[in-house]
PDB file of N, CA and C in Angstrom:
ATOM      1  N   MET A   1      27.773   2.724  12.092  1.00  0.00           N
ATOM      2  CA  MET A   1      26.540   3.485  12.163  1.00  0.00           C
ATOM      3  C   MET A   1      26.259   3.745  13.630  1.00  0.00           C
ATOM      4  N   GLY A   2      26.035   5.000  14.003  1.00  0.00           N
ATOM      5  CA  GLY A   2      25.828   5.375  15.384  1.00  0.00           C
ATOM      6  C   GLY A   2      24.414   5.166  15.876  1.00  0.00           C
ATOM      7  N   VAL A   3      23.515   4.824  15.004  1.00  0.00           N
ATOM      8  CA  VAL A   3      22.116   4.631  15.371  1.00  0.00           C
ATOM      9  C   VAL A   3      21.741   3.183  15.044  1.00  0.00           C
ATOM     10  N   THR A   4      20.858   2.639  15.831  1.00  0.00           N
ATOM     11  CA  THR A   4      20.489   1.240  15.645  1.00  0.00           C
ATOM     12  C   THR A   4      19.397   1.089  14.578  1.00  0.00           C
ATOM     13  N   PRO A   5      19.300  -0.106  13.990  1.00  0.00           N
ATOM     14  CA  PRO A   5      18.199  -0.357  13.048  1.00  0.00           C
ATOM     15  C   PRO A   5      16.834  -0.120  13.681  1.00  0.00           C
ATOM     16  N   ASP A   6      16.707  -0.392  14.978  1.00  0.00           N
ATOM     17  CA  ASP A   6      15.446  -0.161  15.675  1.00  0.00           C
ATOM     18  C   ASP A   6      15.080   1.324  15.674  1.00  0.00           C
ATOM     19  N   GLU A   7      16.066   2.180  15.889  1.00  0.00           N
ATOM     20  CA  GLU A   7      15.822   3.629  15.869  1.00  0.00           C
ATOM     21  C   GLU A   7      15.480   4.109  14.458  1.00  0.00           C
ATOM     22  N   ILE A   8      16.139   3.541  13.469  1.00  0.00           N
ATOM     23  CA  ILE A   8      15.828   3.888  12.079  1.00  0.00           C
ATOM     24  C   ILE A   8      14.388   3.506  11.772  1.00  0.00           C
ATOM     25  N   THR A   9      14.025   2.283  12.128  1.00  0.00           N
ATOM     26  CA  THR A   9      12.665   1.807  11.867  1.00  0.00           C
ATOM     27  C   THR A   9      11.633   2.664  12.582  1.00  0.00           C
ATOM     28  N   SER A  10      11.889   3.016  13.812  1.00  0.00           N
ATOM     29  CA  SER A  10      10.956   3.823  14.588  1.00  0.00           C
ATOM     30  C   SER A  10      10.700   5.171  13.913  1.00  0.00           C
ATOM     31  N   THR A  11      11.755   5.827  13.503  1.00  0.00           N
ATOM     32  CA  THR A  11      11.609   7.118  12.822  1.00  0.00           C
ATOM     33  C   THR A  11      10.894   6.949  11.493  1.00  0.00           C
ATOM     34  N   TRP A  12      11.304   5.937  10.738  1.00  0.00           N
ATOM     35  CA  TRP A  12      10.714   5.651   9.427  1.00  0.00           C
ATOM     36  C   TRP A  12       9.223   5.389   9.563  1.00  0.00           C
ATOM     37  N   LEU A  13       8.850   4.528  10.490  1.00  0.00           N
ATOM     38  CA  LEU A  13       7.447   4.179  10.670  1.00  0.00           C
ATOM     39  C   LEU A  13       6.623   5.377  11.128  1.00  0.00           C
ATOM     40  N   ARG A  14       7.182   6.221  11.986  1.00  0.00           N
ATOM     41  CA  ARG A  14       6.459   7.438  12.412  1.00  0.00           C
ATOM     42  C   ARG A  14       6.142   8.324  11.207  1.00  0.00           C
ATOM     43  N   LEU A  15       7.078   8.439  10.284  1.00  0.00           N
ATOM     44  CA  LEU A  15       6.844   9.261   9.095  1.00  0.00           C
ATOM     45  C   LEU A  15       5.746   8.673   8.226  1.00  0.00           C
ATOM     46  N   VAL A  16       5.762   7.363   8.051  1.00  0.00           N
ATOM     47  CA  VAL A  16       4.738   6.714   7.229  1.00  0.00           C
ATOM     48  C   VAL A  16       3.369   6.835   7.896  1.00  0.00           C
ATOM     49  N   VAL A  17       3.298   6.627   9.198  1.00  0.00           N
ATOM     50  CA  VAL A  17       2.025   6.733   9.925  1.00  0.00           C
ATOM     51  C   VAL A  17       1.477   8.159   9.856  1.00  0.00           C
ATOM     52  N   ALA A  18       2.352   9.149   9.831  1.00  0.00           N
ATOM     53  CA  ALA A  18       1.921  10.549   9.781  1.00  0.00           C
ATOM     54  C   ALA A  18       1.485  10.981   8.384  1.00  0.00           C
ATOM     55  N   ASP A  19       1.750  10.181   7.380  1.00  0.00           N
ATOM     56  CA  ASP A  19       1.384  10.515   6.005  1.00  0.00           C
ATOM     57  C   ASP A  19      -0.103  10.222   5.801  1.00  0.00           C
ATOM     58  N   ALA A  20      -0.867  11.247   5.482  1.00  0.00           N
ATOM     59  CA  ALA A  20      -2.325  11.119   5.378  1.00  0.00           C
ATOM     60  C   ALA A  20      -2.763  10.115   4.313  1.00  0.00           C
ATOM     61  N   GLU A  21      -1.992   9.957   3.268  1.00  0.00           N
ATOM     62  CA  GLU A  21      -2.366   9.007   2.210  1.00  0.00           C
ATOM     63  C   GLU A  21      -1.978   7.574   2.571  1.00  0.00           C
ATOM     64  N   LEU A  22      -0.887   7.417   3.300  1.00  0.00           N
ATOM     65  CA  LEU A  22      -0.403   6.074   3.625  1.00  0.00           C
ATOM     66  C   LEU A  22      -0.998   5.507   4.912  1.00  0.00           C
ATOM     67  N   SER A  23      -1.326   6.363   5.856  1.00  0.00           N
ATOM     68  CA  SER A  23      -1.793   5.884   7.159  1.00  0.00           C
ATOM     69  C   SER A  23      -3.041   4.997   7.092  1.00  0.00           C
ATOM     70  N   PRO A  24      -3.990   5.234   6.187  1.00  0.00           N
ATOM     71  CA  PRO A  24      -5.153   4.332   6.149  1.00  0.00           C
ATOM     72  C   PRO A  24      -4.778   2.875   5.858  1.00  0.00           C
ATOM     73  N   TYR A  25      -3.671   2.654   5.169  1.00  0.00           N
ATOM     74  CA  TYR A  25      -3.243   1.288   4.878  1.00  0.00           C
ATOM     75  C   TYR A  25      -2.731   0.573   6.122  1.00  0.00           C
ATOM     76  N   LEU A  26      -2.480   1.327   7.169  1.00  0.00           N
ATOM     77  CA  LEU A  26      -1.950   0.743   8.398  1.00  0.00           C
ATOM     78  C   LEU A  26      -3.025   0.504   9.455  1.00  0.00           C
ATOM     79  N   ILE A  27      -4.272   0.853   9.133  1.00  0.00           N
ATOM     80  CA  ILE A  27      -5.376   0.608  10.070  1.00  0.00           C
ATOM     81  C   ILE A  27      -5.505  -0.894  10.266  1.00  0.00           C
ATOM     82  N   GLY A  28      -5.489  -1.298  11.514  1.00  0.00           N
ATOM     83  CA  GLY A  28      -5.616  -2.714  11.840  1.00  0.00           C
ATOM     84  C   GLY A  28      -4.313  -3.498  11.769  1.00  0.00           C
ATOM     85  N   VAL A  29      -3.236  -2.838  11.330  1.00  0.00           N
ATOM     86  CA  VAL A  29      -1.933  -3.502  11.250  1.00  0.00           C
ATOM     87  C   VAL A  29      -1.265  -3.434  12.615  1.00  0.00           C
ATOM     88  N   ASP A  30      -0.702  -4.529  13.035  1.00  0.00           N
ATOM     89  CA  ASP A  30       0.053  -4.567  14.291  1.00  0.00           C
ATOM     90  C   ASP A  30       1.378  -3.854  14.031  1.00  0.00           C
ATOM     91  N   LEU A  31       1.441  -2.573  14.411  1.00  0.00           N
ATOM     92  CA  LEU A  31       2.624  -1.760  14.111  1.00  0.00           C
ATOM     93  C   LEU A  31       3.868  -2.259  14.836  1.00  0.00           C
ATOM     94  N   GLU A  32       3.690  -2.815  16.016  1.00  0.00           N
ATOM     95  CA  GLU A  32       4.842  -3.348  16.743  1.00  0.00           C
ATOM     96  C   GLU A  32       5.434  -4.542  15.988  1.00  0.00           C
ATOM     97  N   ARG A  33       4.567  -5.389  15.489  1.00  0.00           N
ATOM     98  CA  ARG A  33       5.035  -6.551  14.715  1.00  0.00           C
ATOM     99  C   ARG A  33       5.672  -6.096  13.407  1.00  0.00           C
ATOM    100  N   LEU A  34       5.051  -5.131  12.745  1.00  0.00           N
ATOM    101  CA  LEU A  34       5.620  -4.590  11.513  1.00  0.00           C
ATOM    102  C   LEU A  34       6.996  -3.990  11.785  1.00  0.00           C
ATOM    103  N   ALA A  35       7.114  -3.226  12.853  1.00  0.00           N
ATOM    104  CA  ALA A  35       8.392  -2.614  13.204  1.00  0.00           C
ATOM    105  C   ALA A  35       9.458  -3.674  13.481  1.00  0.00           C
ATOM    106  N   THR A  36       9.068  -4.736  14.173  1.00  0.00           N
ATOM    107  CA  THR A  36      10.017  -5.821  14.454  1.00  0.00           C
ATOM    108  C   THR A  36      10.502  -6.454  13.151  1.00  0.00           C
ATOM    109  N   HIS A  37       9.582  -6.689  12.234  1.00  0.00           N
ATOM    110  CA  HIS A  37       9.931  -7.275  10.934  1.00  0.00           C
ATOM    111  C   HIS A  37      10.851  -6.339  10.140  1.00  0.00           C
ATOM    112  N   LEU A  38      10.507  -5.071  10.108  1.00  0.00           N
ATOM    113  CA  LEU A  38      11.321  -4.099   9.370  1.00  0.00           C
ATOM    114  C   LEU A  38      12.715  -3.968   9.979  1.00  0.00           C
ATOM    115  N   THR A  39      12.775  -3.927  11.293  1.00  0.00           N
ATOM    116  CA  THR A  39      14.065  -3.810  11.981  1.00  0.00           C
ATOM    117  C   THR A  39      14.944  -5.017  11.684  1.00  0.00           C
ATOM    118  N   ALA A  40      14.370  -6.200  11.755  1.00  0.00           N
ATOM    119  CA  ALA A  40      15.145  -7.418  11.481  1.00  0.00           C
ATOM    120  C   ALA A  40      15.672  -7.403  10.055  1.00  0.00           C
ATOM    121  N   ALA A  41      14.844  -6.973   9.128  1.00  0.00           N
ATOM    122  CA  ALA A  41      15.277  -6.930   7.729  1.00  0.00           C
ATOM    123  C   ALA A  41      16.391  -5.901   7.537  1.00  0.00           C
ATOM    124  N   LEU A  42      16.253  -4.733   8.155  1.00  0.00           N
ATOM    125  CA  LEU A  42      17.304  -3.715   8.046  1.00  0.00           C
ATOM    126  C   LEU A  42      18.597  -4.188   8.694  1.00  0.00           C
ATOM    127  N   ASP A  43      18.462  -4.841   9.833  1.00  0.00           N
ATOM    128  CA  ASP A  43      19.626  -5.315  10.575  1.00  0.00           C
ATOM    129  C   ASP A  43      20.388  -6.391   9.808  1.00  0.00           C
ATOM    130  N   ASN A  44      19.655  -7.206   9.064  1.00  0.00           N
ATOM    131  CA  ASN A  44      20.273  -8.301   8.321  1.00  0.00           C
ATOM    132  C   ASN A  44      20.572  -7.944   6.872  1.00  0.00           C
ATOM    133  N   GLY A  45      20.206  -6.741   6.461  1.00  0.00           N
ATOM    134  CA  GLY A  45      20.460  -6.316   5.093  1.00  0.00           C
ATOM    135  C   GLY A  45      19.581  -6.996   4.069  1.00  0.00           C
ATOM    136  N   GLY A  46      18.510  -7.612   4.538  1.00  0.00           N
ATOM    137  CA  GLY A  46      17.609  -8.320   3.626  1.00  0.00           C
ATOM    138  C   GLY A  46      16.534  -7.422   3.051  1.00  0.00           C
ATOM    139  N   ALA A  47      15.819  -7.986   2.109  1.00  0.00           N
ATOM    140  CA  ALA A  47      14.722  -7.243   1.483  1.00  0.00           C
ATOM    141  C   ALA A  47      13.593  -7.044   2.492  1.00  0.00           C
ATOM    142  N   VAL A  48      12.964  -5.913   2.399  1.00  0.00           N
ATOM    143  CA  VAL A  48      11.846  -5.594   3.288  1.00  0.00           C
ATOM    144  C   VAL A  48      10.575  -5.664   2.455  1.00  0.00           C
ATOM    145  N   ASP A  49       9.899  -6.807   2.514  1.00  0.00           N
ATOM    146  CA  ASP A  49       8.717  -7.001   1.691  1.00  0.00           C
ATOM    147  C   ASP A  49       7.411  -6.759   2.436  1.00  0.00           C
ATOM    148  N   ALA A  50       7.485  -6.348   3.687  1.00  0.00           N
ATOM    149  CA  ALA A  50       6.283  -6.163   4.502  1.00  0.00           C
ATOM    150  C   ALA A  50       5.318  -5.161   3.887  1.00  0.00           C
ATOM    151  N   TRP A  51       5.841  -4.168   3.214  1.00  0.00           N
ATOM    152  CA  TRP A  51       4.974  -3.133   2.643  1.00  0.00           C
ATOM    153  C   TRP A  51       4.149  -3.665   1.481  1.00  0.00           C
ATOM    154  N   ARG A  52       4.673  -4.635   0.770  1.00  0.00           N
ATOM    155  CA  ARG A  52       3.977  -5.176  -0.404  1.00  0.00           C
ATOM    156  C   ARG A  52       2.624  -5.781  -0.049  1.00  0.00           C
ATOM    157  N   GLY A  53       2.493  -6.335   1.129  1.00  0.00           N
ATOM    158  CA  GLY A  53       1.251  -6.979   1.522  1.00  0.00           C
ATOM    159  C   GLY A  53       0.144  -6.029   1.936  1.00  0.00           C
ATOM    160  N   LEU A  54       0.422  -4.737   1.930  1.00  0.00           N
ATOM    161  CA  LEU A  54      -0.575  -3.766   2.386  1.00  0.00           C
ATOM    162  C   LEU A  54      -1.440  -3.200   1.272  1.00  0.00           C
ATOM    163  N   GLY A  55      -1.161  -3.583   0.038  1.00  0.00           N
ATOM    164  CA  GLY A  55      -1.965  -3.103  -1.080  1.00  0.00           C
ATOM    165  C   GLY A  55      -1.616  -1.710  -1.560  1.00  0.00           C
ATOM    166  N   LEU A  56      -0.404  -1.260  -1.283  1.00  0.00           N
ATOM    167  CA  LEU A  56       0.026   0.065  -1.741  1.00  0.00           C
ATOM    168  C   LEU A  56       0.231   0.066  -3.251  1.00  0.00           C
ATOM    169  N   SER A  57      -0.041   1.200  -3.851  1.00  0.00           N
ATOM    170  CA  SER A  57       0.283   1.351  -5.270  1.00  0.00           C
ATOM    171  C   SER A  57       1.807   1.469  -5.394  1.00  0.00           C
ATOM    172  N   GLU A  58       2.306   1.376  -6.602  1.00  0.00           N
ATOM    173  CA  GLU A  58       3.748   1.509  -6.825  1.00  0.00           C
ATOM    174  C   GLU A  58       4.235   2.886  -6.368  1.00  0.00           C
ATOM    175  N   ALA A  59       3.455   3.927  -6.647  1.00  0.00           N
ATOM    176  CA  ALA A  59       3.837   5.286  -6.238  1.00  0.00           C
ATOM    177  C   ALA A  59       3.856   5.408  -4.714  1.00  0.00           C
ATOM    178  N   GLN A  60       2.898   4.796  -4.044  1.00  0.00           N
ATOM    179  CA  GLN A  60       2.861   4.847  -2.584  1.00  0.00           C
ATOM    180  C   GLN A  60       4.039   4.069  -1.991  1.00  0.00           C
ATOM    181  N   HIS A  61       4.355   2.949  -2.592  1.00  0.00           N
ATOM    182  CA  HIS A  61       5.505   2.169  -2.122  1.00  0.00           C
ATOM    183  C   HIS A  61       6.791   2.973  -2.294  1.00  0.00           C
ATOM    184  N   ARG A  62       6.921   3.676  -3.403  1.00  0.00           N
ATOM    185  CA  ARG A  62       8.098   4.531  -3.615  1.00  0.00           C
ATOM    186  C   ARG A  62       8.181   5.604  -2.538  1.00  0.00           C
ATOM    187  N   ARG A  63       7.015   6.121  -2.125  1.00  0.00           N
ATOM    188  CA  ARG A  63       7.021   7.145  -1.082  1.00  0.00           C
ATOM    189  C   ARG A  63       7.498   6.559   0.251  1.00  0.00           C
ATOM    190  N   VAL A  64       7.101   5.339   0.557  1.00  0.00           N
ATOM    191  CA  VAL A  64       7.580   4.661   1.768  1.00  0.00           C
ATOM    192  C   VAL A  64       9.100   4.545   1.714  1.00  0.00           C
ATOM    193  N   VAL A  65       9.621   4.149   0.552  1.00  0.00           N
ATOM    194  CA  VAL A  65      11.072   4.028   0.374  1.00  0.00           C
ATOM    195  C   VAL A  65      11.731   5.404   0.489  1.00  0.00           C
ATOM    196  N   ASP A  66      11.095   6.416  -0.061  1.00  0.00           N
ATOM    197  CA  ASP A  66      11.641   7.785   0.036  1.00  0.00           C
ATOM    198  C   ASP A  66      11.750   8.237   1.494  1.00  0.00           C
ATOM    199  N   TYR A  67      10.764   7.868   2.308  1.00  0.00           N
ATOM    200  CA  TYR A  67      10.844   8.222   3.730  1.00  0.00           C
ATOM    201  C   TYR A  67      12.068   7.568   4.374  1.00  0.00           C
ATOM    202  N   LEU A  68      12.289   6.298   4.068  1.00  0.00           N
ATOM    203  CA  LEU A  68      13.453   5.615   4.622  1.00  0.00           C
ATOM    204  C   LEU A  68      14.739   6.271   4.143  1.00  0.00           C
ATOM    205  N   THR A  69      14.801   6.579   2.867  1.00  0.00           N
ATOM    206  CA  THR A  69      15.993   7.228   2.318  1.00  0.00           C
ATOM    207  C   THR A  69      16.254   8.548   3.035  1.00  0.00           C
ATOM    208  N   GLY A  70      15.209   9.316   3.286  1.00  0.00           N
ATOM    209  CA  GLY A  70      15.356  10.577   4.011  1.00  0.00           C
ATOM    210  C   GLY A  70      15.887  10.381   5.420  1.00  0.00           C
ATOM    211  N   VAL A  71      15.398   9.349   6.093  1.00  0.00           N
ATOM    212  CA  VAL A  71      15.878   9.051   7.446  1.00  0.00           C
ATOM    213  C   VAL A  71      17.367   8.714   7.397  1.00  0.00           C
ATOM    214  N   LEU A  72      17.754   7.894   6.442  1.00  0.00           N
ATOM    215  CA  LEU A  72      19.155   7.485   6.328  1.00  0.00           C
ATOM    216  C   LEU A  72      20.061   8.658   5.966  1.00  0.00           C
ATOM    217  N   TRP A  73      19.605   9.531   5.071  1.00  0.00           N
ATOM    218  CA  TRP A  73      20.380  10.725   4.716  1.00  0.00           C
ATOM    219  C   TRP A  73      20.546  11.629   5.929  1.00  0.00           C
ATOM    220  N   ALA A  74      19.457  11.798   6.691  1.00  0.00           N
ATOM    221  CA  ALA A  74      19.514  12.660   7.878  1.00  0.00           C
ATOM    222  C   ALA A  74      20.504  12.123   8.913  1.00  0.00           C
ATOM    223  N   LEU A  75      20.694  10.816   8.912  1.00  0.00           N
ATOM    224  CA  LEU A  75      21.655  10.201   9.832  1.00  0.00           C
ATOM    225  C   LEU A  75      23.075  10.248   9.283  1.00  0.00           C
ATOM    226  N   ASP A  76      23.198  10.785   8.075  1.00  0.00           N
ATOM    227  CA  ASP A  76      24.505  10.955   7.436  1.00  0.00           C
ATOM    228  C   ASP A  76      25.233   9.622   7.224  1.00  0.00           C
ATOM    229  N   LEU A  77      24.449   8.601   6.834  1.00  0.00           N
ATOM    230  CA  LEU A  77      25.059   7.314   6.516  1.00  0.00           C
ATOM    231  C   LEU A  77      25.811   7.417   5.193  1.00  0.00           C
ATOM    232  N   PRO A  78      26.789   6.579   4.988  1.00  0.00           N
ATOM    233  CA  PRO A  78      27.523   6.590   3.714  1.00  0.00           C
ATOM    234  C   PRO A  78      26.573   6.303   2.542  1.00  0.00           C
ATOM    235  N   GLU A  79      26.847   6.944   1.422  1.00  0.00           N
ATOM    236  CA  GLU A  79      25.966   6.811   0.255  1.00  0.00           C
ATOM    237  C   GLU A  79      25.813   5.367  -0.193  1.00  0.00           C
ATOM    238  N   ASP A  80      26.888   4.580  -0.132  1.00  0.00           N
ATOM    239  CA  ASP A  80      26.783   3.191  -0.567  1.00  0.00           C
ATOM    240  C   ASP A  80      25.860   2.387   0.350  1.00  0.00           C
ATOM    241  N   ARG A  81      25.866   2.691   1.635  1.00  0.00           N
ATOM    242  CA  ARG A  81      24.974   2.003   2.582  1.00  0.00           C
ATOM    243  C   ARG A  81      23.523   2.414   2.330  1.00  0.00           C
ATOM    244  N   ILE A  82      23.302   3.689   2.069  1.00  0.00           N
ATOM    245  CA  ILE A  82      21.945   4.163   1.761  1.00  0.00           C
ATOM    246  C   ILE A  82      21.433   3.469   0.504  1.00  0.00           C
ATOM    247  N   ALA A  83      22.273   3.392  -0.522  1.00  0.00           N
ATOM    248  CA  ALA A  83      21.879   2.740  -1.774  1.00  0.00           C
ATOM    249  C   ALA A  83      21.563   1.264  -1.547  1.00  0.00           C
ATOM    250  N   GLN A  84      22.371   0.607  -0.724  1.00  0.00           N
ATOM    251  CA  GLN A  84      22.165  -0.814  -0.435  1.00  0.00           C
ATOM    252  C   GLN A  84      20.822  -1.032   0.270  1.00  0.00           C
ATOM    253  N   VAL A  85      20.556  -0.236   1.279  1.00  0.00           N
ATOM    254  CA  VAL A  85      19.311  -0.381   2.040  1.00  0.00           C
ATOM    255  C   VAL A  85      18.122  -0.018   1.166  1.00  0.00           C
ATOM    256  N   THR A  86      18.231   1.058   0.420  1.00  0.00           N
ATOM    257  CA  THR A  86      17.131   1.480  -0.453  1.00  0.00           C
ATOM    258  C   THR A  86      16.813   0.415  -1.485  1.00  0.00           C
ATOM    259  N   LYS A  87      17.830  -0.198  -2.042  1.00  0.00           N
ATOM    260  CA  LYS A  87      17.620  -1.260  -3.025  1.00  0.00           C
ATOM    261  C   LYS A  87      16.913  -2.448  -2.394  1.00  0.00           C
ATOM    262  N   ALA A  88      17.303  -2.816  -1.179  1.00  0.00           N
ATOM    263  CA  ALA A  88      16.671  -3.939  -0.484  1.00  0.00           C
ATOM    264  C   ALA A  88      15.197  -3.664  -0.219  1.00  0.00           C
ATOM    265  N   VAL A  89      14.889  -2.438   0.142  1.00  0.00           N
ATOM    266  CA  VAL A  89      13.507  -2.064   0.453  1.00  0.00           C
ATOM    267  C   VAL A  89      12.662  -1.940  -0.813  1.00  0.00           C
ATOM    268  N   SER A  90      13.287  -1.498  -1.888  1.00  0.00           N
ATOM    269  CA  SER A  90      12.573  -1.302  -3.138  1.00  0.00           C
ATOM    270  C   SER A  90      12.137  -2.616  -3.761  1.00  0.00           C
ATOM    271  N   GLY A  91      12.812  -3.682  -3.393  1.00  0.00           N
ATOM    272  CA  GLY A  91      12.460  -4.997  -3.904  1.00  0.00           C
ATOM    273  C   GLY A  91      12.864  -5.167  -5.288  1.00  0.00           C
TER     274      GLY A  91
END
């Protein structure tokens, strides 16, 4: 992969913050800490459960995952890697 997990997280988080429906859930959230947690989870291939604690509905959580999937597709990652990461994030 030519891009780092940190760059993936940065792009992903910018998309979520720019989403008018999702951004209110991030008010008061330490975005730097959230980004560090998300990056570590992506880097280690582990589940990313940070979003669950924000009180998102299932549909909103799916949208967060969709943003990540879009970032990964745009980076032209292999389909199996995208599926693996998406599954980890979906919980």
